[in-house]
Amino acid sequence: QVQLVESGGGLVQPGGSLRLSCTTSGSRFSIYTMGWYRQAPGKQRGLVARITSGGSTNYADSVRGRFTISRDNAKNTLYLRMNSLKPEDTAVYYCWRAYRNDSYWGQGTQVTVSS
């Protein structure tokens, strides 16, 4: 029933920018905590950024100052603007939605940063 669909991944050169989007099902998008996580080959999935229903945000140290998480509640959409991309940002990026004890993940979108 619940669907989270990421888009916007792709290949980008170091120093470039990319914007990821995540559109989710449901009629109460505004109440959810939303986030972006990423997983590189051979590494654990880790937090990239998170945004609460109230709009407060937090970021992984590795992306703070370069990435911006935002949401458009009218569009049921979560965004991640990624600037100054580095090769170490290469990973599958996953959209995450949570409310109380409910938690859901998208299928992920590949981001590759390479020259």
C-alpha atoms as a PDB file:
ATOM      1  CA  GLN A   1       0.000   0.000   0.000  1.00  0.00           C
ATOM      2  CA  VAL A   2       2.682   2.482   1.026  1.00  0.00           C
ATOM      3  CA  GLN A   3       4.977   3.534  -1.779  1.00  0.00           C
ATOM      4  CA  LEU A   4       8.033   5.752  -1.766  1.00  0.00           C
ATOM      5  CA  VAL A   5       9.472   6.431  -5.194  1.00  0.00           C
ATOM      6  CA  GLU A   6      12.847   8.092  -5.593  1.00  0.00           C
ATOM      7  CA  SER A   7      14.024   9.850  -8.713  1.00  0.00           C
ATOM      8  CA  GLY A   8      16.815  12.122  -9.848  1.00  0.00           C
ATOM      9  CA  GLY A   9      19.815   9.877  -9.420  1.00  0.00           C
ATOM     10  CA  GLY A  10      22.457   9.560 -12.065  1.00  0.00           C
ATOM     11  CA  LEU A  11      26.048  10.204 -13.027  1.00  0.00           C
ATOM     12  CA  VAL A  12      27.609  13.540 -12.158  1.00  0.00           C
ATOM     13  CA  GLN A  13      31.144  14.921 -12.180  1.00  0.00           C
ATOM     14  CA  PRO A  14      32.924  15.842  -8.953  1.00  0.00           C
ATOM     15  CA  GLY A  15      31.877  19.319  -7.910  1.00  0.00           C
ATOM     16  CA  GLY A  16      28.568  18.975  -9.671  1.00  0.00           C
ATOM     17  CA  SER A  17      25.041  19.086  -8.322  1.00  0.00           C
ATOM     18  CA  LEU A  18      22.046  16.818  -8.335  1.00  0.00           C
ATOM     19  CA  ARG A  19      18.559  16.944  -6.878  1.00  0.00           C
ATOM     20  CA  LEU A  20      16.814  13.835  -5.672  1.00  0.00           C
ATOM     21  CA  SER A  21      13.064  13.612  -5.238  1.00  0.00           C
ATOM     22  CA  CYS A  22      10.892  11.197  -3.335  1.00  0.00           C
ATOM     23  CA  THR A  23       7.161  11.042  -3.825  1.00  0.00           C
ATOM     24  CA  THR A  24       5.142   8.996  -1.370  1.00  0.00           C
ATOM     25  CA  SER A  25       1.616   7.728  -1.133  1.00  0.00           C
ATOM     26  CA  GLY A  26      -0.790   8.655   1.622  1.00  0.00           C
ATOM     27  CA  SER A  27      -2.997  11.511   2.633  1.00  0.00           C
ATOM     28  CA  ARG A  28      -1.062  12.649   5.699  1.00  0.00           C
ATOM     29  CA  PHE A  29       2.365  13.411   4.282  1.00  0.00           C
ATOM     30  CA  SER A  30       2.722  16.507   6.428  1.00  0.00           C
ATOM     31  CA  ILE A  31       2.843  14.525   9.679  1.00  0.00           C
ATOM     32  CA  TYR A  32       5.693  12.223   8.692  1.00  0.00           C
ATOM     33  CA  THR A  33       9.317  12.492   9.519  1.00  0.00           C
ATOM     34  CA  MET A  34      11.173  12.046   6.249  1.00  0.00           C
ATOM     35  CA  GLY A  35      14.756  11.339   5.454  1.00  0.00           C
ATOM     36  CA  TRP A  36      17.449  10.331   3.044  1.00  0.00           C
ATOM     37  CA  TYR A  37      19.859   7.505   3.716  1.00  0.00           C
ATOM     38  CA  ARG A  38      22.592   6.096   1.538  1.00  0.00           C
ATOM     39  CA  GLN A  39      24.524   2.898   1.176  1.00  0.00           C
ATOM     40  CA  ALA A  40      27.748   2.396  -0.710  1.00  0.00           C
ATOM     41  CA  PRO A  41      28.960  -1.081  -1.709  1.00  0.00           C
ATOM     42  CA  GLY A  42      30.383  -2.920   1.278  1.00  0.00           C
ATOM     43  CA  LYS A  43      29.237  -0.266   3.737  1.00  0.00           C
ATOM     44  CA  GLN A  44      26.312   0.089   6.105  1.00  0.00           C
ATOM     45  CA  ARG A  45      23.328   2.214   5.281  1.00  0.00           C
ATOM     46  CA  GLY A  46      23.705   5.560   6.982  1.00  0.00           C
ATOM     47  CA  LEU A  47      21.808   8.768   7.512  1.00  0.00           C
ATOM     48  CA  VAL A  48      22.285  11.563   5.020  1.00  0.00           C
ATOM     49  CA  ALA A  49      19.639  13.999   6.210  1.00  0.00           C
ATOM     50  CA  ARG A  50      16.324  14.056   8.009  1.00  0.00           C
ATOM     51  CA  ILE A  51      13.449  16.498   8.243  1.00  0.00           C
ATOM     52  CA  THR A  52      10.610  16.415  10.756  1.00  0.00           C
ATOM     53  CA  SER A  53       6.981  17.329  10.285  1.00  0.00           C
ATOM     54  CA  GLY A  54       7.828  20.656  11.874  1.00  0.00           C
ATOM     55  CA  GLY A  55      10.594  21.329   9.395  1.00  0.00           C
ATOM     56  CA  SER A  56      13.594  20.829  11.629  1.00  0.00           C
ATOM     57  CA  THR A  57      16.538  19.175   9.915  1.00  0.00           C
ATOM     58  CA  ASN A  58      19.669  17.289  10.726  1.00  0.00           C
ATOM     59  CA  TYR A  59      22.536  16.172   8.528  1.00  0.00           C
ATOM     60  CA  ALA A  60      25.393  13.770   8.549  1.00  0.00           C
ATOM     61  CA  ASP A  61      28.672  15.561   9.183  1.00  0.00           C
ATOM     62  CA  SER A  62      29.945  14.435   5.800  1.00  0.00           C
ATOM     63  CA  VAL A  63      27.221  16.304   3.905  1.00  0.00           C
ATOM     64  CA  ARG A  64      26.449  19.283   6.116  1.00  0.00           C
ATOM     65  CA  GLY A  65      26.889  22.494   4.190  1.00  0.00           C
ATOM     66  CA  ARG A  66      26.702  20.743   0.837  1.00  0.00           C
ATOM     67  CA  PHE A  67      23.318  19.004   0.928  1.00  0.00           C
ATOM     68  CA  THR A  68      19.911  20.480   1.680  1.00  0.00           C
ATOM     69  CA  ILE A  69      16.840  18.463   2.589  1.00  0.00           C
ATOM     70  CA  SER A  70      13.409  19.964   2.055  1.00  0.00           C
ATOM     71  CA  ARG A  71       9.810  18.941   1.631  1.00  0.00           C
ATOM     72  CA  ASP A  72       6.754  20.097  -0.249  1.00  0.00           C
ATOM     73  CA  ASN A  73       3.761  18.832   1.669  1.00  0.00           C
ATOM     74  CA  ALA A  74       1.321  19.907  -1.031  1.00  0.00           C
ATOM     75  CA  LYS A  75       3.108  17.581  -3.463  1.00  0.00           C
ATOM     76  CA  ASN A  76       3.820  14.713  -1.051  1.00  0.00           C
ATOM     77  CA  THR A  77       7.425  15.132  -2.080  1.00  0.00           C
ATOM     78  CA  LEU A  78      10.767  15.089  -0.316  1.00  0.00           C
ATOM     79  CA  TYR A  79      13.866  16.603  -1.892  1.00  0.00           C
ATOM     80  CA  LEU A  80      17.591  16.414  -1.460  1.00  0.00           C
ATOM     81  CA  ARG A  81      19.692  19.055  -3.164  1.00  0.00           C
ATOM     82  CA  MET A  82      23.271  17.867  -3.398  1.00  0.00           C
ATOM     83  CA  ASN A  83      25.980  20.377  -4.223  1.00  0.00           C
ATOM     84  CA  SER A  84      29.750  20.090  -4.457  1.00  0.00           C
ATOM     85  CA  LEU A  85      29.476  16.367  -4.950  1.00  0.00           C
ATOM     86  CA  LYS A  86      32.454  14.180  -4.193  1.00  0.00           C
ATOM     87  CA  PRO A  87      33.315  10.654  -5.349  1.00  0.00           C
ATOM     88  CA  GLU A  88      32.707   9.456  -1.797  1.00  0.00           C
ATOM     89  CA  ASP A  89      29.070  10.515  -2.168  1.00  0.00           C
ATOM     90  CA  THR A  90      28.603   7.647  -4.607  1.00  0.00           C
ATOM     91  CA  ALA A  91      25.921   5.367  -3.199  1.00  0.00           C
ATOM     92  CA  VAL A  92      22.371   4.211  -3.508  1.00  0.00           C
ATOM     93  CA  TYR A  93      20.184   6.850  -1.910  1.00  0.00           C
ATOM     94  CA  TYR A  94      17.031   5.752  -0.127  1.00  0.00           C
ATOM     95  CA  CYS A  95      13.965   7.724   0.817  1.00  0.00           C
ATOM     96  CA  TRP A  96      12.567   7.026   4.289  1.00  0.00           C
ATOM     97  CA  ARG A  97       9.253   7.826   5.898  1.00  0.00           C
ATOM     98  CA  ALA A  98       8.302   7.365   9.532  1.00  0.00           C
ATOM     99  CA  TYR A  99       5.521   8.124  11.940  1.00  0.00           C
ATOM    100  CA  ARG A 100       5.314   6.612  15.389  1.00  0.00           C
ATOM    101  CA  ASN A 101       6.003   2.887  14.908  1.00  0.00           C
ATOM    102  CA  ASP A 102       5.551   2.916  11.134  1.00  0.00           C
ATOM    103  CA  SER A 103       8.633   3.105   8.955  1.00  0.00           C
ATOM    104  CA  TYR A 104       8.987   2.645   5.207  1.00  0.00           C
ATOM    105  CA  TRP A 105      11.765   2.691   2.646  1.00  0.00           C
ATOM    106  CA  GLY A 106      11.930   3.400  -1.037  1.00  0.00           C
ATOM    107  CA  GLN A 107      13.762   1.192  -3.506  1.00  0.00           C
ATOM    108  CA  GLY A 108      16.653   3.601  -3.850  1.00  0.00           C
ATOM    109  CA  THR A 109      18.234   5.602  -6.631  1.00  0.00           C
ATOM    110  CA  GLN A 110      21.864   5.360  -7.704  1.00  0.00           C
ATOM    111  CA  VAL A 111      24.094   8.403  -7.464  1.00  0.00           C
ATOM    112  CA  THR A 112      27.516   8.085  -9.040  1.00  0.00           C
ATOM    113  CA  VAL A 113      30.075  10.876  -8.743  1.00  0.00           C
ATOM    114  CA  SER A 114      32.931  10.313 -11.139  1.00  0.00           C
ATOM    115  CA  SER A 115      35.016  12.106 -13.718  1.00  0.00           C
END
